[in-house]
Amino acid sequence: MELELKPFFPLKGAEESRFFSITRAIFQSRRKILLNSLKSLGKPVGQIEEVLKKVAIDPQIRGEKLSLEKLMELSKAFTD
């Protein structure tokens, strides 16, 4: 696996904070399926499922399978 550095991070403010919260939740329990990992955010399961459906992510995959772009799309889809 190769890590590609981005010249800038395209998220700012609340979006950036939400991105890192979601990423932390996913990778703290990276062997769990995505739906279960995201439960630690304290959001209702129905809301998590709705957001995953909106961004076309299978709730049964593991978070480690998501690309950086898909993680950013997921964080933008969640609203506080």
PDB file of N, CA and C in Angstrom:
ATOM      1  N   MET A   1       0.845  -1.172   0.000  1.00  0.00           N
ATOM      2  CA  MET A   1       0.000   0.000   0.000  1.00  0.00           C
ATOM      3  C   MET A   1       0.892   1.237   0.000  1.00  0.00           C
ATOM      4  N   GLU A   2       0.504   2.210  -0.780  1.00  0.00           N
ATOM      5  CA  GLU A   2       1.288   3.431  -0.888  1.00  0.00           C
ATOM      6  C   GLU A   2       0.462   4.609  -0.395  1.00  0.00           C
ATOM      7  N   LEU A   3       1.081   5.472   0.385  1.00  0.00           N
ATOM      8  CA  LEU A   3       0.408   6.649   0.920  1.00  0.00           C
ATOM      9  C   LEU A   3       0.709   7.839   0.029  1.00  0.00           C
ATOM     10  N   GLU A   4      -0.355   8.470  -0.448  1.00  0.00           N
ATOM     11  CA  GLU A   4      -0.190   9.635  -1.319  1.00  0.00           C
ATOM     12  C   GLU A   4      -0.498  10.900  -0.516  1.00  0.00           C
ATOM     13  N   LEU A   5       0.459  11.806  -0.424  1.00  0.00           N
ATOM     14  CA  LEU A   5       0.257  13.046   0.313  1.00  0.00           C
ATOM     15  C   LEU A   5      -0.498  14.044  -0.552  1.00  0.00           C
ATOM     16  N   LYS A   6      -1.471  14.701   0.053  1.00  0.00           N
ATOM     17  CA  LYS A   6      -2.244  15.723  -0.642  1.00  0.00           C
ATOM     18  C   LYS A   6      -1.592  17.080  -0.369  1.00  0.00           C
ATOM     19  N   PRO A   7      -1.556  17.961  -1.376  1.00  0.00           N
ATOM     20  CA  PRO A   7      -0.945  19.274  -1.169  1.00  0.00           C
ATOM     21  C   PRO A   7      -1.732  20.140  -0.184  1.00  0.00           C
ATOM     22  N   PHE A   8      -3.038  19.879  -0.030  1.00  0.00           N
ATOM     23  CA  PHE A   8      -3.871  20.593   0.928  1.00  0.00           C
ATOM     24  C   PHE A   8      -5.028  19.688   1.322  1.00  0.00           C
ATOM     25  N   PHE A   9      -5.622  19.985   2.462  1.00  0.00           N
ATOM     26  CA  PHE A   9      -6.765  19.199   2.918  1.00  0.00           C
ATOM     27  C   PHE A   9      -8.014  19.968   2.542  1.00  0.00           C
ATOM     28  N   PRO A  10      -8.900  19.383   1.736  1.00  0.00           N
ATOM     29  CA  PRO A  10     -10.035  20.132   1.189  1.00  0.00           C
ATOM     30  C   PRO A  10     -11.170  20.433   2.172  1.00  0.00           C
ATOM     31  N   LEU A  11     -11.121  19.921   3.397  1.00  0.00           N
ATOM     32  CA  LEU A  11     -12.174  20.180   4.373  1.00  0.00           C
ATOM     33  C   LEU A  11     -11.681  21.201   5.389  1.00  0.00           C
ATOM     34  N   LYS A  12     -12.571  22.059   5.822  1.00  0.00           N
ATOM     35  CA  LYS A  12     -12.225  23.106   6.800  1.00  0.00           C
ATOM     36  C   LYS A  12     -13.267  23.147   7.906  1.00  0.00           C
ATOM     37  N   GLY A  13     -12.879  23.663   9.038  1.00  0.00           N
ATOM     38  CA  GLY A  13     -13.797  23.912  10.150  1.00  0.00           C
ATOM     39  C   GLY A  13     -14.534  22.683  10.635  1.00  0.00           C
ATOM     40  N   ALA A  14     -15.858  22.805  10.692  1.00  0.00           N
ATOM     41  CA  ALA A  14     -16.701  21.723  11.219  1.00  0.00           C
ATOM     42  C   ALA A  14     -16.593  20.462  10.364  1.00  0.00           C
ATOM     43  N   GLU A  15     -16.456  20.628   9.046  1.00  0.00           N
ATOM     44  CA  GLU A  15     -16.312  19.452   8.166  1.00  0.00           C
ATOM     45  C   GLU A  15     -15.040  18.687   8.497  1.00  0.00           C
ATOM     46  N   GLU A  16     -13.957  19.412   8.740  1.00  0.00           N
ATOM     47  CA  GLU A  16     -12.685  18.769   9.075  1.00  0.00           C
ATOM     48  C   GLU A  16     -12.796  18.038  10.412  1.00  0.00           C
ATOM     49  N   SER A  17     -13.395  18.681  11.383  1.00  0.00           N
ATOM     50  CA  SER A  17     -13.566  18.067  12.698  1.00  0.00           C
ATOM     51  C   SER A  17     -14.409  16.797  12.606  1.00  0.00           C
ATOM     52  N   ARG A  18     -15.504  16.865  11.841  1.00  0.00           N
ATOM     53  CA  ARG A  18     -16.372  15.703  11.654  1.00  0.00           C
ATOM     54  C   ARG A  18     -15.629  14.575  10.932  1.00  0.00           C
ATOM     55  N   PHE A  19     -14.816  14.933   9.936  1.00  0.00           N
ATOM     56  CA  PHE A  19     -14.029  13.938   9.209  1.00  0.00           C
ATOM     57  C   PHE A  19     -13.134  13.159  10.171  1.00  0.00           C
ATOM     58  N   PHE A  20     -12.419  13.879  11.045  1.00  0.00           N
ATOM     59  CA  PHE A  20     -11.509  13.195  11.954  1.00  0.00           C
ATOM     60  C   PHE A  20     -12.255  12.389  13.019  1.00  0.00           C
ATOM     61  N   SER A  21     -13.438  12.848  13.443  1.00  0.00           N
ATOM     62  CA  SER A  21     -14.246  12.067  14.392  1.00  0.00           C
ATOM     63  C   SER A  21     -14.701  10.753  13.764  1.00  0.00           C
ATOM     64  N   ILE A  22     -15.163  10.843  12.534  1.00  0.00           N
ATOM     65  CA  ILE A  22     -15.625   9.641  11.823  1.00  0.00           C
ATOM     66  C   ILE A  22     -14.462   8.692  11.553  1.00  0.00           C
ATOM     67  N   THR A  23     -13.354   9.231  11.098  1.00  0.00           N
ATOM     68  CA  THR A  23     -12.173   8.404  10.824  1.00  0.00           C
ATOM     69  C   THR A  23     -11.675   7.722  12.093  1.00  0.00           C
ATOM     70  N   ARG A  24     -11.662   8.456  13.190  1.00  0.00           N
ATOM     71  CA  ARG A  24     -11.231   7.887  14.477  1.00  0.00           C
ATOM     72  C   ARG A  24     -12.171   6.746  14.875  1.00  0.00           C
ATOM     73  N   ALA A  25     -13.479   6.958  14.751  1.00  0.00           N
ATOM     74  CA  ALA A  25     -14.453   5.916  15.112  1.00  0.00           C
ATOM     75  C   ALA A  25     -14.245   4.662  14.268  1.00  0.00           C
ATOM     76  N   ILE A  26     -13.975   4.851  12.996  1.00  0.00           N
ATOM     77  CA  ILE A  26     -13.791   3.718  12.088  1.00  0.00           C
ATOM     78  C   ILE A  26     -12.510   2.948  12.421  1.00  0.00           C
ATOM     79  N   PHE A  27     -11.413   3.654  12.648  1.00  0.00           N
ATOM     80  CA  PHE A  27     -10.130   2.969  12.813  1.00  0.00           C
ATOM     81  C   PHE A  27      -9.812   2.557  14.239  1.00  0.00           C
ATOM     82  N   GLN A  28     -10.596   3.016  15.216  1.00  0.00           N
ATOM     83  CA  GLN A  28     -10.406   2.507  16.570  1.00  0.00           C
ATOM     84  C   GLN A  28     -10.879   1.063  16.664  1.00  0.00           C
ATOM     85  N   SER A  29     -11.792   0.714  15.793  1.00  0.00           N
ATOM     86  CA  SER A  29     -12.304  -0.661  15.777  1.00  0.00           C
ATOM     87  C   SER A  29     -12.350  -1.152  14.335  1.00  0.00           C
ATOM     88  N   ARG A  30     -11.202  -1.143  13.698  1.00  0.00           N
ATOM     89  CA  ARG A  30     -11.194  -1.368  12.252  1.00  0.00           C
ATOM     90  C   ARG A  30     -11.587  -2.768  11.807  1.00  0.00           C
ATOM     91  N   ARG A  31     -11.662  -3.725  12.704  1.00  0.00           N
ATOM     92  CA  ARG A  31     -12.108  -5.058  12.300  1.00  0.00           C
ATOM     93  C   ARG A  31     -13.623  -5.197  12.376  1.00  0.00           C
ATOM     94  N   LYS A  32     -14.297  -4.179  12.890  1.00  0.00           N
ATOM     95  CA  LYS A  32     -15.754  -4.195  12.918  1.00  0.00           C
ATOM     96  C   LYS A  32     -16.287  -3.737  11.566  1.00  0.00           C
ATOM     97  N   ILE A  33     -17.527  -4.120  11.283  1.00  0.00           N
ATOM     98  CA  ILE A  33     -18.143  -3.600  10.061  1.00  0.00           C
ATOM     99  C   ILE A  33     -18.422  -2.111  10.270  1.00  0.00           C
ATOM    100  N   LEU A  34     -18.530  -1.409   9.176  1.00  0.00           N
ATOM    101  CA  LEU A  34     -18.655   0.044   9.203  1.00  0.00           C
ATOM    102  C   LEU A  34     -19.836   0.512  10.057  1.00  0.00           C
ATOM    103  N   LEU A  35     -20.983  -0.103   9.888  1.00  0.00           N
ATOM    104  CA  LEU A  35     -22.163   0.297  10.650  1.00  0.00           C
ATOM    105  C   LEU A  35     -21.893   0.237  12.152  1.00  0.00           C
ATOM    106  N   ASN A  36     -21.295  -0.835  12.621  1.00  0.00           N
ATOM    107  CA  ASN A  36     -21.007  -0.978  14.051  1.00  0.00           C
ATOM    108  C   ASN A  36     -19.950   0.016  14.520  1.00  0.00           C
ATOM    109  N   SER A  37     -18.973   0.299  13.702  1.00  0.00           N
ATOM    110  CA  SER A  37     -17.942   1.271  14.065  1.00  0.00           C
ATOM    111  C   SER A  37     -18.535   2.662  14.243  1.00  0.00           C
ATOM    112  N   LEU A  38     -19.451   3.018  13.360  1.00  0.00           N
ATOM    113  CA  LEU A  38     -20.031   4.362  13.396  1.00  0.00           C
ATOM    114  C   LEU A  38     -21.037   4.549  14.534  1.00  0.00           C
ATOM    115  N   LYS A  39     -21.488   3.484  15.142  1.00  0.00           N
ATOM    116  CA  LYS A  39     -22.401   3.595  16.290  1.00  0.00           C
ATOM    117  C   LYS A  39     -21.742   4.355  17.438  1.00  0.00           C
ATOM    118  N   SER A  40     -20.421   4.302  17.525  1.00  0.00           N
ATOM    119  CA  SER A  40     -19.714   4.989  18.605  1.00  0.00           C
ATOM    120  C   SER A  40     -19.816   6.513  18.502  1.00  0.00           C
ATOM    121  N   LEU A  41     -20.336   7.015  17.378  1.00  0.00           N
ATOM    122  CA  LEU A  41     -20.537   8.459  17.224  1.00  0.00           C
ATOM    123  C   LEU A  41     -21.742   8.954  18.019  1.00  0.00           C
ATOM    124  N   GLY A  42     -22.559   8.009  18.497  1.00  0.00           N
ATOM    125  CA  GLY A  42     -23.734   8.373  19.273  1.00  0.00           C
ATOM    126  C   GLY A  42     -24.937   8.765  18.436  1.00  0.00           C
ATOM    127  N   LYS A  43     -24.887   8.487  17.151  1.00  0.00           N
ATOM    128  CA  LYS A  43     -26.006   8.781  16.251  1.00  0.00           C
ATOM    129  C   LYS A  43     -26.945   7.578  16.225  1.00  0.00           C
ATOM    130  N   PRO A  44     -28.241   7.806  15.983  1.00  0.00           N
ATOM    131  CA  PRO A  44     -29.171   6.673  15.849  1.00  0.00           C
ATOM    132  C   PRO A  44     -28.795   5.782  14.660  1.00  0.00           C
ATOM    133  N   VAL A  45     -28.984   4.502  14.812  1.00  0.00           N
ATOM    134  CA  VAL A  45     -28.629   3.534  13.765  1.00  0.00           C
ATOM    135  C   VAL A  45     -29.343   3.869  12.458  1.00  0.00           C
ATOM    136  N   GLY A  46     -30.592   4.276  12.551  1.00  0.00           N
ATOM    137  CA  GLY A  46     -31.342   4.636  11.352  1.00  0.00           C
ATOM    138  C   GLY A  46     -30.699   5.785  10.592  1.00  0.00           C
ATOM    139  N   GLN A  47     -30.193   6.768  11.315  1.00  0.00           N
ATOM    140  CA  GLN A  47     -29.523   7.905  10.668  1.00  0.00           C
ATOM    141  C   GLN A  47     -28.224   7.454  10.002  1.00  0.00           C
ATOM    142  N   ILE A  48     -27.472   6.593  10.665  1.00  0.00           N
ATOM    143  CA  ILE A  48     -26.220   6.087  10.100  1.00  0.00           C
ATOM    144  C   ILE A  48     -26.513   5.312   8.813  1.00  0.00           C
ATOM    145  N   GLU A  49     -27.526   4.443   8.865  1.00  0.00           N
ATOM    146  CA  GLU A  49     -27.893   3.671   7.679  1.00  0.00           C
ATOM    147  C   GLU A  49     -28.328   4.574   6.534  1.00  0.00           C
ATOM    148  N   GLU A  50     -29.070   5.621   6.854  1.00  0.00           N
ATOM    149  CA  GLU A  50     -29.537   6.565   5.835  1.00  0.00           C
ATOM    150  C   GLU A  50     -28.364   7.276   5.160  1.00  0.00           C
ATOM    151  N   VAL A  51     -27.392   7.719   5.968  1.00  0.00           N
ATOM    152  CA  VAL A  51     -26.218   8.413   5.423  1.00  0.00           C
ATOM    153  C   VAL A  51     -25.404   7.463   4.552  1.00  0.00           C
ATOM    154  N   LEU A  52     -25.200   6.231   5.005  1.00  0.00           N
ATOM    155  CA  LEU A  52     -24.438   5.258   4.220  1.00  0.00           C
ATOM    156  C   LEU A  52     -25.122   4.968   2.892  1.00  0.00           C
ATOM    157  N   LYS A  53     -26.443   4.882   2.911  1.00  0.00           N
ATOM    158  CA  LYS A  53     -27.191   4.651   1.679  1.00  0.00           C
ATOM    159  C   LYS A  53     -27.050   5.851   0.743  1.00  0.00           C
ATOM    160  N   LYS A  54     -27.120   7.052   1.308  1.00  0.00           N
ATOM    161  CA  LYS A  54     -27.017   8.292   0.526  1.00  0.00           C
ATOM    162  C   LYS A  54     -25.700   8.372  -0.238  1.00  0.00           C
ATOM    163  N   VAL A  55     -24.616   7.911   0.382  1.00  0.00           N
ATOM    164  CA  VAL A  55     -23.296   7.984  -0.261  1.00  0.00           C
ATOM    165  C   VAL A  55     -22.893   6.646  -0.900  1.00  0.00           C
ATOM    166  N   ALA A  56     -23.841   5.731  -0.996  1.00  0.00           N
ATOM    167  CA  ALA A  56     -23.634   4.435  -1.661  1.00  0.00           C
ATOM    168  C   ALA A  56     -22.471   3.636  -1.068  1.00  0.00           C
ATOM    169  N   ILE A  57     -22.505   3.492   0.267  1.00  0.00           N
ATOM    170  CA  ILE A  57     -21.500   2.677   0.967  1.00  0.00           C
ATOM    171  C   ILE A  57     -22.231   1.531   1.641  1.00  0.00           C
ATOM    172  N   ASP A  58     -21.764   0.320   1.419  1.00  0.00           N
ATOM    173  CA  ASP A  58     -22.328  -0.872   2.043  1.00  0.00           C
ATOM    174  C   ASP A  58     -22.035  -0.825   3.547  1.00  0.00           C
ATOM    175  N   PRO A  59     -23.064  -0.856   4.398  1.00  0.00           N
ATOM    176  CA  PRO A  59     -22.833  -0.804   5.843  1.00  0.00           C
ATOM    177  C   PRO A  59     -22.124  -2.040   6.391  1.00  0.00           C
ATOM    178  N   GLN A  60     -22.025  -3.095   5.587  1.00  0.00           N
ATOM    179  CA  GLN A  60     -21.409  -4.336   6.045  1.00  0.00           C
ATOM    180  C   GLN A  60     -19.900  -4.415   5.739  1.00  0.00           C
ATOM    181  N   ILE A  61     -19.350  -3.430   5.029  1.00  0.00           N
ATOM    182  CA  ILE A  61     -17.905  -3.485   4.753  1.00  0.00           C
ATOM    183  C   ILE A  61     -17.121  -2.967   5.956  1.00  0.00           C
ATOM    184  N   ARG A  62     -15.856  -3.194   5.940  1.00  0.00           N
ATOM    185  CA  ARG A  62     -14.983  -2.685   6.995  1.00  0.00           C
ATOM    186  C   ARG A  62     -14.465  -1.310   6.566  1.00  0.00           C
ATOM    187  N   GLY A  63     -14.352  -0.418   7.535  1.00  0.00           N
ATOM    188  CA  GLY A  63     -13.943   0.947   7.254  1.00  0.00           C
ATOM    189  C   GLY A  63     -12.596   1.062   6.576  1.00  0.00           C
ATOM    190  N   GLU A  64     -11.717   0.118   6.823  1.00  0.00           N
ATOM    191  CA  GLU A  64     -10.381   0.146   6.221  1.00  0.00           C
ATOM    192  C   GLU A  64     -10.418   0.011   4.703  1.00  0.00           C
ATOM    193  N   LYS A  65     -11.559  -0.405   4.168  1.00  0.00           N
ATOM    194  CA  LYS A  65     -11.704  -0.568   2.719  1.00  0.00           C
ATOM    195  C   LYS A  65     -12.056   0.741   2.004  1.00  0.00           C
ATOM    196  N   LEU A  66     -12.394   1.784   2.778  1.00  0.00           N
ATOM    197  CA  LEU A  66     -12.805   3.046   2.173  1.00  0.00           C
ATOM    198  C   LEU A  66     -11.609   3.886   1.733  1.00  0.00           C
ATOM    199  N   SER A  67     -11.751   4.518   0.597  1.00  0.00           N
ATOM    200  CA  SER A  67     -10.708   5.435   0.120  1.00  0.00           C
ATOM    201  C   SER A  67     -10.837   6.762   0.869  1.00  0.00           C
ATOM    202  N   LEU A  68      -9.811   7.588   0.786  1.00  0.00           N
ATOM    203  CA  LEU A  68      -9.846   8.906   1.402  1.00  0.00           C
ATOM    204  C   LEU A  68     -11.010   9.722   0.843  1.00  0.00           C
ATOM    205  N   GLU A  69     -11.226   9.627  -0.450  1.00  0.00           N
ATOM    206  CA  GLU A  69     -12.316  10.370  -1.081  1.00  0.00           C
ATOM    207  C   GLU A  69     -13.673   9.929  -0.535  1.00  0.00           C
ATOM    208  N   LYS A  70     -13.827   8.612  -0.343  1.00  0.00           N
ATOM    209  CA  LYS A  70     -15.096   8.092   0.174  1.00  0.00           C
ATOM    210  C   LYS A  70     -15.275   8.496   1.641  1.00  0.00           C
ATOM    211  N   LEU A  71     -14.186   8.532   2.414  1.00  0.00           N
ATOM    212  CA  LEU A  71     -14.269   8.991   3.803  1.00  0.00           C
ATOM    213  C   LEU A  71     -14.694  10.456   3.862  1.00  0.00           C
ATOM    214  N   MET A  72     -14.166  11.276   2.968  1.00  0.00           N
ATOM    215  CA  MET A  72     -14.551  12.686   2.935  1.00  0.00           C
ATOM    216  C   MET A  72     -16.008  12.837   2.530  1.00  0.00           C
ATOM    217  N   GLU A  73     -16.446  12.047   1.569  1.00  0.00           N
ATOM    218  CA  GLU A  73     -17.843  12.079   1.133  1.00  0.00           C
ATOM    219  C   GLU A  73     -18.764  11.675   2.290  1.00  0.00           C
ATOM    220  N   LEU A  74     -18.352  10.659   3.056  1.00  0.00           N
ATOM    221  CA  LEU A  74     -19.126  10.211   4.196  1.00  0.00           C
ATOM    222  C   LEU A  74     -19.209  11.301   5.255  1.00  0.00           C
ATOM    223  N   SER A  75     -18.102  11.950   5.537  1.00  0.00           N
ATOM    224  CA  SER A  75     -18.120  12.989   6.576  1.00  0.00           C
ATOM    225  C   SER A  75     -18.957  14.192   6.149  1.00  0.00           C
ATOM    226  N   LYS A  76     -18.975  14.501   4.872  1.00  0.00           N
ATOM    227  CA  LYS A  76     -19.814  15.606   4.384  1.00  0.00           C
ATOM    228  C   LYS A  76     -21.294  15.246   4.483  1.00  0.00           C
ATOM    229  N   ALA A  77     -21.632  13.967   4.370  1.00  0.00           N
ATOM    230  CA  ALA A  77     -23.024  13.531   4.388  1.00  0.00           C
ATOM    231  C   ALA A  77     -23.615  13.575   5.800  1.00  0.00           C
ATOM    232  N   PHE A  78     -22.774  13.448   6.824  1.00  0.00           N
ATOM    233  CA  PHE A  78     -23.242  13.548   8.201  1.00  0.00           C
ATOM    234  C   PHE A  78     -23.383  15.027   8.537  1.00  0.00           C
ATOM    235  N   THR A  79     -24.476  15.372   9.191  1.00  0.00           N
ATOM    236  CA  THR A  79     -24.644  16.754   9.661  1.00  0.00           C
ATOM    237  C   THR A  79     -24.845  16.716  11.148  1.00  0.00           C
ATOM    238  N   ASP A  80     -24.374  17.721  11.803  1.00  0.00           N
ATOM    239  CA  ASP A  80     -24.514  17.791  13.277  1.00  0.00           C
ATOM    240  C   ASP A  80     -25.910  18.204  13.683  1.00  0.00           C
TER     241      ASP A  80
END
